[in-house]
N, C-alpha and C. Protein backbone atom coordinates (compact mmCIF):
# COMPACT_ATOMS: atom_id res chain seq x y z
N MET A 1 -37.79 21.33 -15.70
CA MET A 1 -36.57 21.16 -16.39
C MET A 1 -36.24 20.51 -15.46
N THR A 2 -35.28 19.12 -15.46
CA THR A 2 -35.18 18.57 -14.18
C THR A 2 -33.80 18.27 -14.01
N GLN A 3 -33.23 18.71 -12.31
CA GLN A 3 -32.19 19.00 -11.95
C GLN A 3 -31.87 17.70 -11.34
N SER A 4 -30.04 17.99 -12.18
CA SER A 4 -28.90 16.44 -12.49
C SER A 4 -28.26 16.25 -11.15
N ARG A 5 -28.93 15.18 -10.35
CA ARG A 5 -28.41 14.65 -9.17
C ARG A 5 -26.94 14.79 -9.22
N HIS A 6 -26.18 15.14 -8.53
CA HIS A 6 -24.59 14.15 -8.05
C HIS A 6 -24.34 12.98 -7.54
N VAL A 7 -23.95 12.21 -8.70
CA VAL A 7 -23.67 10.27 -8.22
C VAL A 7 -22.24 10.25 -7.39
N PRO A 8 -22.08 10.23 -6.19
CA PRO A 8 -21.21 10.34 -5.32
C PRO A 8 -20.07 9.88 -5.83
N ARG A 9 -19.08 9.50 -5.91
CA ARG A 9 -17.39 8.71 -6.41
C ARG A 9 -17.51 7.26 -5.44
N TRP A 10 -17.30 8.06 -3.93
CA TRP A 10 -17.56 6.27 -3.21
C TRP A 10 -18.61 6.72 -3.05
N PRO A 11 -20.22 6.04 -2.37
CA PRO A 11 -21.06 5.95 -1.98
C PRO A 11 -21.18 5.71 -0.55
N ALA A 12 -20.38 4.38 -0.98
CA ALA A 12 -20.28 4.00 0.68
C ALA A 12 -19.27 4.39 1.52
N ALA A 13 -18.86 5.66 1.59
CA ALA A 13 -17.57 6.32 2.10
C ALA A 13 -18.15 7.40 3.46
N GLY A 14 -19.26 7.26 3.36
CA GLY A 14 -20.40 8.22 3.93
C GLY A 14 -20.35 7.51 5.47
N GLU A 15 -20.50 6.22 5.40
CA GLU A 15 -21.15 5.20 6.64
C GLU A 15 -19.83 5.24 6.78
N ARG A 16 -19.41 5.72 8.21
CA ARG A 16 -18.22 5.71 8.60
C ARG A 16 -17.72 4.21 9.41
N PHE A 17 -19.25 4.00 10.62
CA PHE A 17 -18.74 3.04 11.75
C PHE A 17 -19.03 1.60 10.05
N THR A 18 -19.82 1.42 9.29
CA THR A 18 -19.60 0.73 8.49
C THR A 18 -17.67 0.81 8.13
N LEU A 19 -17.60 2.18 7.22
CA LEU A 19 -16.38 1.67 6.50
C LEU A 19 -15.45 1.52 7.34
N PHE A 20 -14.92 2.39 8.79
CA PHE A 20 -13.97 1.56 9.97
C PHE A 20 -14.31 -0.10 9.91
N GLY A 21 -15.28 -0.76 10.07
CA GLY A 21 -15.85 -2.33 10.09
C GLY A 21 -14.91 -2.85 9.35
N GLU A 22 -15.22 -2.63 7.54
CA GLU A 22 -14.52 -3.53 6.79
C GLU A 22 -12.56 -2.64 6.12
N VAL A 23 -12.14 -1.70 6.48
CA VAL A 23 -11.39 -1.30 7.06
C VAL A 23 -9.93 -2.37 7.64
N VAL A 24 -11.11 -2.69 9.14
CA VAL A 24 -10.42 -3.39 9.76
C VAL A 24 -10.51 -5.06 9.52
N MET A 25 -11.80 -5.59 8.66
CA MET A 25 -11.83 -6.17 8.25
C MET A 25 -10.71 -6.97 6.42
N VAL A 26 -10.54 -5.90 6.19
CA VAL A 26 -9.28 -5.50 5.13
C VAL A 26 -7.89 -5.33 5.93
N GLY A 27 -7.67 -5.40 6.86
CA GLY A 27 -6.56 -5.62 8.18
C GLY A 27 -6.39 -6.53 7.83
N LEU A 28 -7.06 -7.23 8.77
CA LEU A 28 -7.42 -8.64 8.94
C LEU A 28 -6.84 -9.25 7.71
N LEU A 29 -7.88 -9.27 6.37
CA LEU A 29 -7.29 -10.49 5.75
C LEU A 29 -5.94 -9.92 5.01
N VAL A 30 -5.46 -8.92 5.03
CA VAL A 30 -4.33 -8.50 4.13
C VAL A 30 -3.04 -9.19 5.19
N THR A 31 -3.47 -9.09 6.81
CA THR A 31 -2.26 -9.27 7.30
C THR A 31 -1.73 -11.11 6.81
N ILE A 32 -3.30 -11.74 7.50
CA ILE A 32 -3.30 -13.12 7.00
C ILE A 32 -2.57 -13.43 5.84
N ALA A 33 -3.39 -13.34 4.34
CA ALA A 33 -2.67 -13.12 3.30
C ALA A 33 -1.20 -12.63 3.33
N ALA A 34 -0.41 -11.90 3.71
CA ALA A 34 0.96 -12.08 3.79
C ALA A 34 1.57 -12.22 4.99
N LEU A 35 1.39 -13.31 5.56
CA LEU A 35 2.09 -13.46 6.63
C LEU A 35 3.68 -14.32 6.16
N PRO A 36 3.43 -15.21 4.57
CA PRO A 36 4.12 -16.28 4.05
C PRO A 36 5.86 -15.00 3.81
N VAL A 37 5.36 -13.73 4.00
CA VAL A 37 5.97 -12.22 3.40
C VAL A 37 6.02 -11.98 2.09
N VAL A 38 6.27 -13.35 1.05
CA VAL A 38 6.62 -13.35 -0.29
C VAL A 38 5.25 -13.37 -0.93
N THR A 39 3.98 -13.28 -0.39
CA THR A 39 2.92 -12.67 -0.77
C THR A 39 2.16 -11.67 0.10
N ALA A 40 3.08 -10.36 -0.01
CA ALA A 40 2.65 -9.52 1.07
C ALA A 40 2.46 -8.66 -0.26
N LEU A 41 3.00 -8.88 -1.51
CA LEU A 41 2.33 -7.55 -2.60
C LEU A 41 0.99 -7.91 -2.91
N PRO A 42 1.01 -9.17 -3.34
CA PRO A 42 -0.37 -10.02 -4.08
C PRO A 42 -1.89 -9.61 -2.49
N ALA A 43 -1.24 -9.77 -1.17
CA ALA A 43 -2.31 -9.53 -0.12
C ALA A 43 -2.55 -8.00 -0.70
N LEU A 44 -1.92 -7.11 -0.44
CA LEU A 44 -1.85 -5.34 -0.56
C LEU A 44 -2.69 -5.54 -1.79
N ALA A 45 -2.51 -5.84 -2.55
CA ALA A 45 -3.34 -5.50 -3.60
C ALA A 45 -4.70 -6.06 -3.77
N ALA A 46 -4.53 -7.12 -3.05
CA ALA A 46 -6.36 -7.96 -2.80
C ALA A 46 -6.66 -7.03 -2.12
N GLY A 47 -6.15 -6.59 -1.11
CA GLY A 47 -6.81 -5.69 0.04
C GLY A 47 -7.81 -4.42 -0.40
N CYS A 48 -6.02 -4.19 -1.05
CA CYS A 48 -7.07 -2.78 -2.60
C CYS A 48 -7.95 -2.80 -3.33
N THR A 49 -8.47 -3.95 -3.83
CA THR A 49 -9.25 -4.19 -4.53
C THR A 49 -10.60 -3.95 -3.57
N HIS A 50 -10.23 -5.17 -2.76
CA HIS A 50 -11.79 -5.19 -1.38
C HIS A 50 -12.33 -3.87 -1.36
N LEU A 51 -11.56 -3.35 -0.72
CA LEU A 51 -11.80 -2.53 -0.13
C LEU A 51 -12.72 -1.00 -1.17
N ARG A 52 -11.96 -1.15 -2.04
CA ARG A 52 -12.35 -0.11 -3.39
C ARG A 52 -14.06 -0.62 -3.39
N GLY A 53 -13.50 -1.85 -3.96
CA GLY A 53 -14.93 -2.17 -4.21
C GLY A 53 -15.76 -2.15 -2.97
N HIS A 54 -15.60 -1.85 -2.20
CA HIS A 54 -17.19 -1.40 -0.88
C HIS A 54 -16.86 -0.26 -0.56
N LEU A 55 -15.77 0.70 -1.39
CA LEU A 55 -15.96 1.69 -1.56
C LEU A 55 -17.00 2.75 -2.50
N ARG A 56 -17.29 1.99 -3.48
CA ARG A 56 -18.55 1.89 -4.18
C ARG A 56 -19.13 0.99 -4.44
N ALA A 57 -19.82 0.87 -3.12
CA ALA A 57 -20.88 -0.01 -3.03
C ALA A 57 -20.83 -0.81 -3.65
N GLU A 58 -19.95 -2.01 -4.00
CA GLU A 58 -20.21 -2.90 -4.35
C GLU A 58 -20.15 -3.99 -3.71
N ARG A 59 -20.68 -5.63 -4.09
CA ARG A 59 -20.91 -6.63 -2.78
C ARG A 59 -19.46 -7.25 -3.01
N VAL A 60 -18.97 -7.00 -1.79
CA VAL A 60 -17.73 -7.56 -1.29
C VAL A 60 -17.43 -8.93 -0.16
N SER A 61 -16.48 -9.26 -0.55
CA SER A 61 -16.44 -10.32 0.68
C SER A 61 -15.05 -11.56 0.80
N ALA A 62 -15.21 -11.81 1.61
CA ALA A 62 -13.66 -12.59 2.02
C ALA A 62 -13.23 -13.27 0.95
N ALA A 63 -14.67 -14.34 0.20
CA ALA A 63 -13.98 -15.49 -0.88
C ALA A 63 -13.44 -14.40 -2.20
N GLY A 64 -14.29 -13.08 -2.97
CA GLY A 64 -13.71 -12.51 -3.72
C GLY A 64 -12.13 -11.96 -3.17
N PHE A 65 -12.35 -12.01 -2.15
CA PHE A 65 -10.77 -11.10 -1.39
C PHE A 65 -9.78 -12.12 -1.43
N ALA A 66 -10.12 -13.04 -1.56
CA ALA A 66 -8.77 -14.91 -2.11
C ALA A 66 -9.47 -14.73 -3.05
N ARG A 67 -9.96 -14.79 -3.75
CA ARG A 67 -9.92 -14.62 -5.96
C ARG A 67 -9.21 -13.77 -6.34
N THR A 68 -9.40 -12.50 -5.45
CA THR A 68 -8.20 -11.61 -6.01
C THR A 68 -6.41 -11.58 -5.98
N LEU A 69 -6.84 -12.94 -4.59
CA LEU A 69 -5.56 -12.73 -4.22
C LEU A 69 -4.75 -13.99 -4.96
N ARG A 70 -5.67 -14.90 -5.12
CA ARG A 70 -5.42 -15.51 -6.44
C ARG A 70 -4.47 -15.25 -7.86
N THR A 71 -5.89 -14.71 -8.34
CA THR A 71 -5.06 -13.54 -9.49
C THR A 71 -3.88 -12.68 -9.15
N ALA A 72 -3.82 -11.96 -8.39
CA ALA A 72 -2.54 -11.33 -8.27
C ALA A 72 -1.18 -12.09 -7.88
N LEU A 73 -1.77 -13.25 -7.41
CA LEU A 73 0.06 -14.06 -6.82
C LEU A 73 1.19 -14.11 -8.53
N PRO A 74 0.17 -14.90 -9.06
CA PRO A 74 1.10 -14.98 -10.44
C PRO A 74 2.56 -13.84 -10.82
N GLY A 75 4.04 -14.38 -10.58
CA GLY A 75 4.72 -12.92 -11.29
C GLY A 75 5.23 -12.29 -9.39
N SER A 76 4.31 -12.73 -8.45
CA SER A 76 4.50 -11.42 -7.40
C SER A 76 5.89 -12.43 -6.61
N TRP A 77 6.35 -13.44 -7.24
CA TRP A 77 7.37 -13.32 -6.17
C TRP A 77 8.70 -13.01 -6.54
N GLY A 78 9.01 -12.99 -7.57
CA GLY A 78 10.38 -12.59 -7.69
C GLY A 78 10.44 -11.32 -7.51
N ILE A 79 9.58 -10.31 -7.66
CA ILE A 79 9.23 -8.92 -6.84
C ILE A 79 9.64 -8.61 -5.17
N THR A 80 8.71 -9.62 -5.02
CA THR A 80 8.58 -8.95 -3.71
C THR A 80 10.49 -9.19 -2.99
N VAL A 81 10.80 -10.94 -3.42
CA VAL A 81 12.04 -11.92 -2.88
C VAL A 81 13.56 -10.95 -3.32
N THR A 82 12.94 -9.36 -4.10
CA THR A 82 14.27 -8.93 -5.15
C THR A 82 14.09 -7.82 -3.86
N ALA A 83 12.30 -7.45 -3.30
CA ALA A 83 12.27 -5.96 -2.77
C ALA A 83 13.01 -6.68 -1.61
N LEU A 84 12.68 -7.69 -0.04
CA LEU A 84 13.19 -8.11 0.92
C LEU A 84 14.98 -8.15 0.98
N ALA A 85 15.66 -8.56 -0.24
CA ALA A 85 16.68 -8.85 -0.60
C ALA A 85 17.36 -7.19 -0.16
N SER A 86 16.81 -6.46 -1.54
CA SER A 86 17.15 -4.88 -1.35
C SER A 86 17.29 -3.98 -0.25
N ALA A 87 15.82 -4.49 0.57
CA ALA A 87 15.63 -3.73 2.33
C ALA A 87 16.82 -4.42 3.21
N VAL A 88 17.04 -5.78 2.50
CA VAL A 88 18.31 -6.52 3.99
C VAL A 88 19.84 -5.71 3.31
N VAL A 89 20.06 -6.10 2.20
CA VAL A 89 21.15 -5.34 2.33
C VAL A 89 21.41 -3.40 2.72
N LEU A 90 19.97 -2.68 2.15
CA LEU A 90 19.66 -1.45 2.23
C LEU A 90 20.14 -0.98 4.07
N GLY A 91 19.42 -2.29 4.97
CA GLY A 91 19.06 -2.53 6.26
C GLY A 91 20.70 -2.70 6.69
N PHE A 92 21.55 -3.32 5.96
CA PHE A 92 23.32 -3.75 6.60
C PHE A 92 23.73 -2.52 6.36
N ASN A 93 23.94 -1.58 5.76
CA ASN A 93 24.01 -0.62 5.10
C ASN A 93 23.95 0.46 6.26
N LEU A 94 22.79 0.77 6.69
CA LEU A 94 22.25 0.96 7.83
C LEU A 94 23.05 0.74 8.77
N LEU A 95 23.63 -0.57 9.15
CA LEU A 95 23.97 -0.83 10.56
C LEU A 95 25.47 -0.67 10.55
N ILE A 96 25.88 -0.48 9.11
CA ILE A 96 27.63 0.07 9.08
C ILE A 96 27.54 1.26 8.99
N ALA A 97 26.50 2.18 9.16
CA ALA A 97 26.16 3.39 8.92
C ALA A 97 26.63 4.12 9.97
N GLY A 98 26.06 2.84 11.25
CA GLY A 98 25.89 3.70 12.48
C GLY A 98 27.63 2.98 13.22
N ALA A 99 28.14 2.28 12.28
CA ALA A 99 29.42 2.03 13.90
C ALA A 99 30.16 3.20 13.05
N GLY A 100 30.07 4.49 12.79
CA GLY A 100 30.39 5.74 12.56
C GLY A 100 31.82 5.75 11.76
N LEU A 101 31.75 4.87 10.79
CA LEU A 101 32.53 5.04 9.84
C LEU A 101 32.95 6.27 8.40
N PRO A 102 33.50 6.84 8.03
CA PRO A 102 33.87 7.71 7.15
C PRO A 102 32.69 8.15 5.92
N GLY A 103 32.11 8.22 6.07
CA GLY A 103 31.31 8.53 4.90
C GLY A 103 29.64 8.20 5.66
N ALA A 104 29.63 8.08 6.66
CA ALA A 104 28.45 7.10 7.22
C ALA A 104 27.50 7.82 6.85
N PRO A 105 27.05 9.32 7.26
CA PRO A 105 25.59 10.54 6.68
C PRO A 105 25.52 9.48 6.05
N VAL A 106 26.02 10.07 4.75
CA VAL A 106 25.81 10.15 2.74
C VAL A 106 25.48 8.74 2.81
N VAL A 107 26.05 7.35 3.09
CA VAL A 107 25.41 6.17 3.48
C VAL A 107 23.94 6.30 3.98
N ALA A 108 23.62 6.41 5.59
CA ALA A 108 22.91 6.06 5.95
C ALA A 108 21.54 6.67 5.32
N ALA A 109 21.95 8.43 4.79
CA ALA A 109 21.10 9.30 4.13
C ALA A 109 20.51 8.70 2.91
N THR A 110 21.45 8.35 2.14
CA THR A 110 21.13 7.42 0.62
C THR A 110 20.22 6.11 0.99
N ALA A 111 20.37 5.71 2.43
CA ALA A 111 19.99 3.78 2.40
C ALA A 111 18.85 4.38 3.17
N LEU A 112 18.21 5.39 3.02
CA LEU A 112 16.93 5.53 3.86
C LEU A 112 16.28 6.06 3.09
N ALA A 113 16.28 6.65 2.34
CA ALA A 113 15.80 7.29 0.65
C ALA A 113 15.42 6.09 0.02
N LEU A 114 16.39 5.40 -0.66
CA LEU A 114 16.04 4.36 -1.05
C LEU A 114 14.89 3.72 -0.50
N LEU A 115 14.87 3.37 1.42
CA LEU A 115 14.24 2.33 1.49
C LEU A 115 12.42 2.97 1.01
N ALA A 116 12.55 4.58 1.26
CA ALA A 116 11.65 5.04 1.90
C ALA A 116 10.62 4.97 -0.12
N ALA A 117 11.68 5.12 -0.66
CA ALA A 117 11.42 5.24 -2.12
C ALA A 117 10.90 4.00 -2.58
N GLY A 118 11.77 2.88 -2.27
CA GLY A 118 10.90 1.64 -3.03
C GLY A 118 9.22 0.55 -1.93
N SER A 119 9.71 1.50 -0.38
CA SER A 119 8.54 1.03 -0.10
C SER A 119 7.11 1.82 -0.78
N VAL A 120 7.43 2.82 -1.01
CA VAL A 120 6.17 3.86 -1.62
C VAL A 120 6.05 2.73 -3.04
N VAL A 121 7.20 3.26 -4.31
CA VAL A 121 6.90 2.15 -4.96
C VAL A 121 5.65 0.77 -5.12
N LEU A 122 6.39 0.51 -4.09
CA LEU A 122 5.73 -0.96 -3.75
C LEU A 122 4.26 -0.81 -3.22
N ILE A 123 3.69 -0.22 -2.63
CA ILE A 123 2.39 0.24 -1.96
C ILE A 123 1.86 0.83 -3.01
N ARG A 124 2.06 1.30 -3.58
CA ARG A 124 1.05 2.56 -4.91
C ARG A 124 0.91 0.81 -5.79
N ALA A 125 2.03 -0.18 -6.36
CA ALA A 125 1.77 -1.12 -7.47
C ALA A 125 0.58 -1.86 -6.93
N TRP A 126 -0.38 -1.87 -6.50
CA TRP A 126 -1.40 -2.51 -6.07
C TRP A 126 -2.74 -3.22 -6.99
N ARG A 127 -2.56 -2.86 -8.06
CA ARG A 127 -3.90 -3.04 -9.14
C ARG A 127 -3.37 -3.98 -9.64
N PRO A 128 -4.19 -5.21 -9.05
CA PRO A 128 -3.82 -6.72 -10.10
C PRO A 128 -4.70 -6.26 -11.53
N GLY A 129 -3.25 -8.03 -11.85
CA GLY A 129 -4.51 -7.82 -13.63
C GLY A 129 -3.79 -8.16 -14.70
N SER A 130 -2.16 -6.82 -14.16
CA SER A 130 -1.44 -6.55 -14.94
C SER A 130 0.00 -7.42 -14.63
N ALA A 131 0.73 -7.46 -15.44
CA ALA A 131 2.21 -8.37 -15.07
C ALA A 131 3.17 -7.47 -13.84
N TRP A 132 3.41 -8.08 -13.01
CA TRP A 132 4.14 -7.10 -11.75
C TRP A 132 5.24 -6.16 -12.12
N PRO A 133 5.95 -6.78 -12.97
CA PRO A 133 7.57 -5.51 -12.89
C PRO A 133 6.39 -4.41 -14.04
N VAL A 134 5.41 -4.24 -14.97
CA VAL A 134 4.67 -3.51 -15.35
C VAL A 134 3.89 -2.63 -14.26
N LEU A 135 3.28 -3.33 -13.62
CA LEU A 135 2.47 -2.65 -12.69
C LEU A 135 4.35 -1.75 -11.45
N VAL A 136 5.24 -2.02 -11.50
CA VAL A 136 5.96 -1.47 -10.63
C VAL A 136 6.67 -0.31 -11.52
N GLY A 137 6.48 -0.42 -12.73
CA GLY A 137 6.98 0.49 -13.32
C GLY A 137 6.48 1.35 -13.43
N GLN A 138 5.18 1.42 -13.96
CA GLN A 138 4.03 2.26 -13.13
C GLN A 138 4.29 3.11 -12.18
N ALA A 139 4.22 2.03 -11.05
CA ALA A 139 3.96 2.77 -9.71
C ALA A 139 5.35 3.69 -9.18
N ALA A 140 5.91 3.23 -9.89
CA ALA A 140 7.53 4.00 -10.26
C ALA A 140 7.26 5.48 -10.75
N ARG A 141 7.11 5.70 -11.95
CA ARG A 141 6.53 6.79 -12.42
C ARG A 141 6.00 7.67 -11.79
N ALA A 142 4.46 6.86 -11.12
CA ALA A 142 3.75 7.81 -10.10
C ALA A 142 4.31 8.24 -9.21
N THR A 143 4.82 7.53 -8.14
CA THR A 143 5.63 7.87 -7.34
C THR A 143 6.50 9.82 -7.48
N GLY A 144 7.13 9.53 -8.55
CA GLY A 144 8.45 10.44 -9.16
C GLY A 144 6.91 11.40 -9.47
N ALA A 145 5.97 11.43 -10.17
CA ALA A 145 5.34 12.72 -11.05
C ALA A 145 4.20 13.22 -9.86
N ASP A 146 3.63 12.55 -8.43
CA ASP A 146 3.23 12.64 -7.83
C ASP A 146 3.80 12.64 -5.91
N VAL A 147 5.26 13.01 -6.17
CA VAL A 147 5.76 13.60 -5.10
C VAL A 147 5.02 13.57 -3.91
N ARG A 148 3.74 14.60 -3.54
CA ARG A 148 2.63 15.07 -2.46
C ARG A 148 2.47 14.50 -2.12
N GLY A 149 1.33 13.11 -3.20
CA GLY A 149 1.00 11.84 -2.23
C GLY A 149 1.81 10.55 -2.33
N SER A 150 3.06 10.99 -2.60
CA SER A 150 3.98 9.83 -2.61
C SER A 150 4.77 10.14 -0.69
N ALA A 151 5.06 11.48 -0.61
CA ALA A 151 4.84 11.82 0.84
C ALA A 151 3.75 11.07 1.86
N LEU A 152 2.65 11.36 1.38
CA LEU A 152 1.40 11.15 2.39
C LEU A 152 1.12 9.33 2.07
N LEU A 153 1.85 8.50 2.00
CA LEU A 153 1.67 7.08 1.41
C LEU A 153 3.02 7.46 2.29
N LEU A 154 3.72 8.08 2.17
CA LEU A 154 4.72 7.14 3.33
C LEU A 154 4.90 7.19 4.50
N GLY A 155 4.07 8.77 4.65
CA GLY A 155 3.83 8.95 6.16
C GLY A 155 2.73 8.11 6.83
N ALA A 156 1.53 7.58 5.87
CA ALA A 156 1.17 6.58 6.28
C ALA A 156 1.78 5.44 6.66
N TRP A 157 2.51 3.99 5.27
CA TRP A 157 3.13 3.54 5.71
C TRP A 157 4.33 3.66 7.60
N LEU A 158 4.67 5.27 7.50
CA LEU A 158 5.64 4.90 9.13
C LEU A 158 4.77 5.12 10.21
N LEU A 159 3.56 5.79 10.01
CA LEU A 159 2.55 5.77 10.63
C LEU A 159 2.20 4.50 10.98
N VAL A 160 1.38 3.05 10.51
CA VAL A 160 1.60 1.73 10.76
C VAL A 160 2.82 1.38 11.66
N GLY A 161 3.59 1.59 10.86
CA GLY A 161 4.79 1.16 11.47
C GLY A 161 5.25 1.41 12.94
N VAL A 162 5.16 2.35 13.49
CA VAL A 162 5.04 3.02 14.71
C VAL A 162 3.66 2.70 15.29
N VAL A 163 2.92 2.29 15.15
CA VAL A 163 1.91 2.21 16.20
C VAL A 163 1.55 0.56 16.33
N THR A 164 2.49 0.00 15.03
CA THR A 164 2.56 -1.52 15.63
C THR A 164 3.51 -1.73 16.36
N TRP A 165 4.58 -1.10 16.60
CA TRP A 165 5.35 -1.34 16.95
C TRP A 165 5.30 -1.07 18.79
N GLN A 166 4.26 0.50 18.68
CA GLN A 166 4.13 0.33 20.01
C GLN A 166 2.82 -0.38 20.63
N LEU A 167 1.39 -0.68 20.14
CA LEU A 167 0.89 -1.75 20.08
C LEU A 167 0.40 -2.68 19.34
N PRO A 168 1.32 -4.38 18.93
CA PRO A 168 0.95 -4.65 17.90
C PRO A 168 -0.62 -5.04 17.83
N PRO A 169 -1.61 -5.46 19.01
CA PRO A 169 -3.19 -5.86 17.94
C PRO A 169 -3.56 -4.86 17.26
N LEU A 170 -3.09 -3.51 17.31
CA LEU A 170 -3.56 -2.47 16.26
C LEU A 170 -3.11 -2.97 15.02
N VAL A 171 -2.25 -4.14 14.25
CA VAL A 171 -1.53 -4.36 13.08
C VAL A 171 -2.85 -4.39 12.85
N LEU A 172 -4.18 -4.60 12.89
CA LEU A 172 -4.78 -4.96 12.02
C LEU A 172 -5.82 -3.40 11.21
N PRO A 173 -5.96 -2.50 12.38
CA PRO A 173 -6.76 -1.88 11.70
C PRO A 173 -5.61 -0.78 10.94
N ALA A 174 -4.35 -0.59 11.81
CA ALA A 174 -3.33 -0.08 10.91
C ALA A 174 -2.95 -0.66 9.53
N ALA A 175 -3.21 -1.53 8.85
CA ALA A 175 -2.53 -2.27 7.87
C ALA A 175 -3.80 -1.65 6.92
N GLY A 176 -5.58 -2.12 7.60
CA GLY A 176 -6.48 -1.42 6.88
C GLY A 176 -6.99 -0.45 6.13
N SER A 177 -6.07 0.68 7.41
CA SER A 177 -5.47 2.48 7.13
C SER A 177 -4.40 2.26 6.10
N LEU A 178 -3.73 1.60 5.89
CA LEU A 178 -2.42 1.56 4.58
C LEU A 178 -3.52 1.44 3.62
N VAL A 179 -4.26 0.54 3.73
CA VAL A 179 -4.78 0.15 2.13
C VAL A 179 -5.63 1.44 2.04
N LEU A 180 -6.59 1.65 2.54
CA LEU A 180 -7.40 2.99 2.41
C LEU A 180 -6.74 4.15 1.74
N ALA A 181 -5.40 4.55 2.42
CA ALA A 181 -4.51 5.79 2.23
C ALA A 181 -4.29 4.82 0.20
N ALA A 182 -3.84 4.02 0.37
CA ALA A 182 -3.22 3.49 -1.04
C ALA A 182 -4.73 3.60 -2.06
N ILE A 183 -5.61 3.05 -2.14
CA ILE A 183 -6.67 3.95 -2.56
C ILE A 183 -6.97 5.19 -2.71
N ALA A 184 -7.15 6.09 -1.40
CA ALA A 184 -7.45 7.47 -1.17
C ALA A 184 -6.48 8.25 -2.31
N ILE A 185 -4.80 7.77 -2.43
CA ILE A 185 -3.92 8.85 -3.23
C ILE A 185 -4.06 8.02 -4.90
N ASP A 186 -4.02 6.72 -4.46
CA ASP A 186 -4.49 6.29 -6.29
C ASP A 186 -5.70 7.13 -6.73
N ALA A 187 -6.84 7.44 -5.93
CA ALA A 187 -7.51 7.91 -7.12
C ALA A 187 -7.55 9.48 -7.37
N HIS A 188 -6.95 10.14 -6.10
CA HIS A 188 -6.43 11.57 -6.26
C HIS A 188 -5.40 11.49 -7.00
N ALA A 189 -4.47 11.03 -7.58
CA ALA A 189 -3.45 11.25 -8.18
C ALA A 189 -3.86 10.74 -10.27
N HIS A 190 -4.74 9.72 -10.43
CA HIS A 190 -6.28 9.59 -11.55
C HIS A 190 -6.99 10.37 -11.47
N ARG A 191 -7.45 11.11 -10.35
CA ARG A 191 -8.56 12.03 -10.98
C ARG A 191 -7.87 13.94 -11.13
N GLY A 192 -6.55 13.83 -9.87
CA GLY A 192 -6.37 15.14 -10.75
C GLY A 192 -6.98 15.80 -10.05
N PRO A 193 -5.17 16.76 -9.32
CA PRO A 193 -6.47 17.73 -8.05
C PRO A 193 -7.11 18.85 -8.20
N HIS A 194 -7.04 18.70 -9.29
CA HIS A 194 -8.12 20.45 -9.52
C HIS A 194 -9.69 20.44 -10.11
N GLN A 195 -9.66 18.56 -10.01
CA GLN A 195 -11.06 17.61 -10.14
C GLN A 195 -11.68 17.62 -9.49
């Protein structure tokens, strides 16, 4: 009788030093690709695809990252510009609320909640290959259906912001860690918590 061997889902995850190096590399690639700002979503999508490939022990490269980035670019600018405009409006509402106007706590809480939810939705919409409006719609449903995962992803996003604010050179491993968090939470959501 032969014994069945368990094949790990992420074969490269056990190689911790290699994984750390790949996380930093992905952070560098995503940061460079996101510098024009309107390319932030495709950069995140390419980074997630690249790191997921590494975790699955597939061959990954900077050239592959660039190809995925080009594939993810079409249709992303409208979503990115809309998200940026919304963030500016919500940030302006936070400034107004800080002036102590009547109803300021409600305005501030609403603006912060919308900023948090919008950030998580955009981070969850990282799978290239579909139209961006479809991806964002799927991510919005996933954000509402997986509250725990969404909270963890928001925590990762806030941690990246705080770490980068305190020590800007840490943006590379922080960005790579956010990519890793997005992959892990997506995998957990698709696999189910009890599997």
